[in-house]
Amino acid sequence: MATWEHELVDPPTEQRARELWLQHAAGFIAFEDIRCYAMERIDPDLTGKARTAVQKGIDDAVYGLMMVIDGVSGRISNASHTVYIDFIVRLASRSDSKAGEVQSEVDLRNGDGMCMGYHGWLEGDFGEDQVVVARPDTDE
């Protein structure tokens, strides 16, 4: 299921729990809209070793993205400059009077580690505090 098929659960109020929840929410988005997207597009005629190899390639690519997010890789530099990509996850308001106002944010490069979260996310573990529920109008 893609992220649009889910509804966000209200975040925890305690600051540390909210930081972890935001990181898990970022992982959920990456897994649903990158990993699951790719998995759903595997040729249905592939079987056995070929299917397994394609699935491993997808998982390796997602892990590579997690390493870039964490700052383990994904940096190019010379003697005077560095180029890198920032990944920030934000919780913003949707209420009419404060629509778009950022309530909380975490720079994932400084978070607890997307590479660490990756292994739990493969098993469907997105933290102690639930991030989403399926939308009532979806089949799941």
C-alpha atoms as a PDB file:
ATOM      1  CA  MET A   1       0.000   0.000   0.000  1.00  0.00           C
ATOM      2  CA  ALA A   2       1.245   3.493  -0.821  1.00  0.00           C
ATOM      3  CA  THR A   3       1.315   6.251   1.780  1.00  0.00           C
ATOM      4  CA  TRP A   4      -1.842   7.819   0.344  1.00  0.00           C
ATOM      5  CA  GLU A   5      -3.665   4.675   1.440  1.00  0.00           C
ATOM      6  CA  HIS A   6      -2.800   5.423   5.085  1.00  0.00           C
ATOM      7  CA  GLU A   7      -3.882   8.013   7.588  1.00  0.00           C
ATOM      8  CA  LEU A   8      -1.387   9.589   9.952  1.00  0.00           C
ATOM      9  CA  VAL A   9      -1.875   8.854  13.647  1.00  0.00           C
ATOM     10  CA  ASP A  10      -1.472  11.823  16.005  1.00  0.00           C
ATOM     11  CA  PRO A  11       2.141  12.088  17.183  1.00  0.00           C
ATOM     12  CA  PRO A  12       3.310  11.556  20.746  1.00  0.00           C
ATOM     13  CA  THR A  13       3.513  14.719  22.821  1.00  0.00           C
ATOM     14  CA  GLU A  14       6.759  13.931  24.669  1.00  0.00           C
ATOM     15  CA  GLN A  15       9.683  15.443  22.729  1.00  0.00           C
ATOM     16  CA  ARG A  16      11.962  12.367  22.555  1.00  0.00           C
ATOM     17  CA  ALA A  17       9.077  10.061  21.624  1.00  0.00           C
ATOM     18  CA  ARG A  18       8.043  12.534  18.914  1.00  0.00           C
ATOM     19  CA  GLU A  19      11.598  12.637  17.500  1.00  0.00           C
ATOM     20  CA  LEU A  20      11.655   8.849  17.225  1.00  0.00           C
ATOM     21  CA  TRP A  21       8.118   8.818  15.800  1.00  0.00           C
ATOM     22  CA  LEU A  22       9.141  11.315  13.094  1.00  0.00           C
ATOM     23  CA  GLN A  23      12.123   9.154  12.139  1.00  0.00           C
ATOM     24  CA  HIS A  24       9.899   6.090  11.923  1.00  0.00           C
ATOM     25  CA  ALA A  25       7.405   8.103   9.853  1.00  0.00           C
ATOM     26  CA  ALA A  26      10.229   8.974   7.432  1.00  0.00           C
ATOM     27  CA  GLY A  27      11.150   5.290   7.249  1.00  0.00           C
ATOM     28  CA  PHE A  28       7.523   4.364   6.622  1.00  0.00           C
ATOM     29  CA  ILE A  29       7.318   6.842   3.741  1.00  0.00           C
ATOM     30  CA  ALA A  30      10.571   5.525   2.249  1.00  0.00           C
ATOM     31  CA  PHE A  31       9.460   1.914   2.543  1.00  0.00           C
ATOM     32  CA  GLU A  32       5.957   2.442   1.187  1.00  0.00           C
ATOM     33  CA  ASP A  33       6.708   4.910  -1.593  1.00  0.00           C
ATOM     34  CA  ILE A  34      10.162   3.688  -2.649  1.00  0.00           C
ATOM     35  CA  ARG A  35      10.662   0.051  -1.614  1.00  0.00           C
ATOM     36  CA  CYS A  36       7.076  -1.184  -2.015  1.00  0.00           C
ATOM     37  CA  TYR A  37       6.696   0.821  -5.211  1.00  0.00           C
ATOM     38  CA  ALA A  38       9.694  -0.993  -6.706  1.00  0.00           C
ATOM     39  CA  MET A  39       8.653  -4.412  -5.355  1.00  0.00           C
ATOM     40  CA  GLU A  40       5.198  -4.050  -6.920  1.00  0.00           C
ATOM     41  CA  ARG A  41       6.812  -3.463 -10.304  1.00  0.00           C
ATOM     42  CA  ILE A  42       8.840  -6.669 -10.409  1.00  0.00           C
ATOM     43  CA  ASP A  43       7.925  -8.628 -13.513  1.00  0.00           C
ATOM     44  CA  PRO A  44       5.297 -11.163 -12.364  1.00  0.00           C
ATOM     45  CA  ASP A  45       6.843 -13.737 -14.696  1.00  0.00           C
ATOM     46  CA  LEU A  46      10.089 -13.756 -12.703  1.00  0.00           C
ATOM     47  CA  THR A  47      10.427 -16.677 -10.322  1.00  0.00           C
ATOM     48  CA  GLY A  48      12.993 -18.281  -8.064  1.00  0.00           C
ATOM     49  CA  LYS A  49      16.538 -16.957  -8.144  1.00  0.00           C
ATOM     50  CA  ALA A  50      15.754 -14.153 -10.594  1.00  0.00           C
ATOM     51  CA  ARG A  51      12.934 -12.783  -8.400  1.00  0.00           C
ATOM     52  CA  THR A  52      15.098 -13.109  -5.287  1.00  0.00           C
ATOM     53  CA  ALA A  53      17.960 -11.263  -7.008  1.00  0.00           C
ATOM     54  CA  VAL A  54      15.677  -8.404  -8.056  1.00  0.00           C
ATOM     55  CA  GLN A  55      14.236  -8.132  -4.527  1.00  0.00           C
ATOM     56  CA  LYS A  56      17.758  -8.074  -3.069  1.00  0.00           C
ATOM     57  CA  GLY A  57      18.721  -5.339  -5.531  1.00  0.00           C
ATOM     58  CA  ILE A  58      15.765  -3.225  -4.404  1.00  0.00           C
ATOM     59  CA  ASP A  59      16.628  -3.742  -0.733  1.00  0.00           C
ATOM     60  CA  ASP A  60      20.286  -2.916  -1.388  1.00  0.00           C
ATOM     61  CA  ALA A  61      19.296   0.299  -3.195  1.00  0.00           C
ATOM     62  CA  VAL A  62      17.025   1.339  -0.317  1.00  0.00           C
ATOM     63  CA  TYR A  63      19.828   0.625   2.166  1.00  0.00           C
ATOM     64  CA  GLY A  64      22.149   2.744   0.011  1.00  0.00           C
ATOM     65  CA  LEU A  65      19.644   5.576   0.308  1.00  0.00           C
ATOM     66  CA  MET A  66      19.595   5.103   4.096  1.00  0.00           C
ATOM     67  CA  MET A  67      23.414   5.461   4.121  1.00  0.00           C
ATOM     68  CA  VAL A  68      23.146   8.734   2.171  1.00  0.00           C
ATOM     69  CA  ILE A  69      20.461   9.993   4.561  1.00  0.00           C
ATOM     70  CA  ASP A  70      22.663   9.122   7.563  1.00  0.00           C
ATOM     71  CA  GLY A  71      25.668  10.868   6.001  1.00  0.00           C
ATOM     72  CA  VAL A  72      27.701   7.645   5.816  1.00  0.00           C
ATOM     73  CA  SER A  73      28.072   8.272   2.077  1.00  0.00           C
ATOM     74  CA  GLY A  74      26.690  10.743  -0.436  1.00  0.00           C
ATOM     75  CA  ARG A  75      29.183  13.546  -0.097  1.00  0.00           C
ATOM     76  CA  ILE A  76      31.521  14.924  -2.720  1.00  0.00           C
ATOM     77  CA  SER A  77      34.163  17.482  -1.963  1.00  0.00           C
ATOM     78  CA  ASN A  78      37.397  19.130  -2.966  1.00  0.00           C
ATOM     79  CA  ALA A  79      39.846  21.286  -1.048  1.00  0.00           C
ATOM     80  CA  SER A  80      37.398  24.177  -0.752  1.00  0.00           C
ATOM     81  CA  HIS A  81      33.821  22.852  -1.113  1.00  0.00           C
ATOM     82  CA  THR A  82      31.521  20.013  -0.125  1.00  0.00           C
ATOM     83  CA  VAL A  83      28.194  18.992  -1.637  1.00  0.00           C
ATOM     84  CA  TYR A  84      25.752  16.833   0.291  1.00  0.00           C
ATOM     85  CA  ILE A  85      22.009  16.321   0.508  1.00  0.00           C
ATOM     86  CA  ASP A  86      20.019  17.114   3.618  1.00  0.00           C
ATOM     87  CA  PHE A  87      17.033  14.998   4.624  1.00  0.00           C
ATOM     88  CA  ILE A  88      14.662  16.626   7.069  1.00  0.00           C
ATOM     89  CA  VAL A  89      11.384  15.108   8.227  1.00  0.00           C
ATOM     90  CA  ARG A  90       8.763  17.617   9.351  1.00  0.00           C
ATOM     91  CA  LEU A  91       5.444  17.461  11.145  1.00  0.00           C
ATOM     92  CA  ALA A  92       3.249  20.323   9.933  1.00  0.00           C
ATOM     93  CA  SER A  93      -0.206  21.486  10.916  1.00  0.00           C
ATOM     94  CA  ARG A  94      -3.206  21.024   8.637  1.00  0.00           C
ATOM     95  CA  SER A  95      -5.618  23.190  10.617  1.00  0.00           C
ATOM     96  CA  ASP A  96      -7.017  26.126   8.652  1.00  0.00           C
ATOM     97  CA  SER A  97      -5.436  28.840  10.770  1.00  0.00           C
ATOM     98  CA  LYS A  98      -1.991  27.219  10.935  1.00  0.00           C
ATOM     99  CA  ALA A  99      -1.852  25.174   7.709  1.00  0.00           C
ATOM    100  CA  GLY A 100       1.727  24.349   6.816  1.00  0.00           C
ATOM    101  CA  GLU A 101       3.179  25.581  10.103  1.00  0.00           C
ATOM    102  CA  VAL A 102       6.013  23.256  11.156  1.00  0.00           C
ATOM    103  CA  GLN A 103       5.393  21.821  14.627  1.00  0.00           C
ATOM    104  CA  SER A 104       8.433  19.519  14.831  1.00  0.00           C
ATOM    105  CA  GLU A 105      11.324  18.512  12.613  1.00  0.00           C
ATOM    106  CA  VAL A 106      14.324  16.213  12.687  1.00  0.00           C
ATOM    107  CA  ASP A 107      17.396  16.449  10.478  1.00  0.00           C
ATOM    108  CA  LEU A 108      17.759  12.748   9.692  1.00  0.00           C
ATOM    109  CA  ARG A 109      21.532  13.105   9.322  1.00  0.00           C
ATOM    110  CA  ASN A 110      21.544  13.886  13.057  1.00  0.00           C
ATOM    111  CA  GLY A 111      18.861  11.364  13.988  1.00  0.00           C
ATOM    112  CA  ASP A 112      19.163   7.932  15.535  1.00  0.00           C
ATOM    113  CA  GLY A 113      20.092   6.334  12.231  1.00  0.00           C
ATOM    114  CA  MET A 114      18.045   5.384   9.227  1.00  0.00           C
ATOM    115  CA  CYS A 115      20.386   2.424   8.696  1.00  0.00           C
ATOM    116  CA  MET A 116      19.497   1.209  12.185  1.00  0.00           C
ATOM    117  CA  GLY A 117      15.771   1.647  11.553  1.00  0.00           C
ATOM    118  CA  TYR A 118      15.996  -0.115   8.183  1.00  0.00           C
ATOM    119  CA  HIS A 119      16.317  -3.578   9.688  1.00  0.00           C
ATOM    120  CA  GLY A 120      13.208  -3.203  11.834  1.00  0.00           C
ATOM    121  CA  TRP A 121      11.287  -1.609   8.984  1.00  0.00           C
ATOM    122  CA  LEU A 122      11.980  -4.674   6.829  1.00  0.00           C
ATOM    123  CA  GLU A 123      10.017  -6.596   9.472  1.00  0.00           C
ATOM    124  CA  GLY A 124       7.226  -3.997   9.573  1.00  0.00           C
ATOM    125  CA  ASP A 125       8.378  -2.501  12.897  1.00  0.00           C
ATOM    126  CA  PHE A 126       7.910   1.274  12.783  1.00  0.00           C
ATOM    127  CA  GLY A 127       8.411   1.960  16.471  1.00  0.00           C
ATOM    128  CA  GLU A 128       6.536   1.850  19.751  1.00  0.00           C
ATOM    129  CA  ASP A 129       4.183   4.673  18.798  1.00  0.00           C
ATOM    130  CA  GLN A 130       2.033   3.837  15.789  1.00  0.00           C
ATOM    131  CA  VAL A 131       2.654   6.075  12.780  1.00  0.00           C
ATOM    132  CA  VAL A 132      -0.335   5.281  10.533  1.00  0.00           C
ATOM    133  CA  VAL A 133      -3.521   3.309  10.139  1.00  0.00           C
ATOM    134  CA  ALA A 134      -5.044   2.122   6.882  1.00  0.00           C
ATOM    135  CA  ARG A 135      -7.606   4.538   5.495  1.00  0.00           C
ATOM    136  CA  PRO A 136     -11.116   3.192   5.992  1.00  0.00           C
ATOM    137  CA  ASP A 137     -11.848   3.421   2.269  1.00  0.00           C
ATOM    138  CA  THR A 138      -8.969   1.075   1.267  1.00  0.00           C
ATOM    139  CA  ASP A 139      -9.191  -2.686   0.919  1.00  0.00           C
ATOM    140  CA  GLU A 140      -6.739  -3.481   3.748  1.00  0.00           C
END
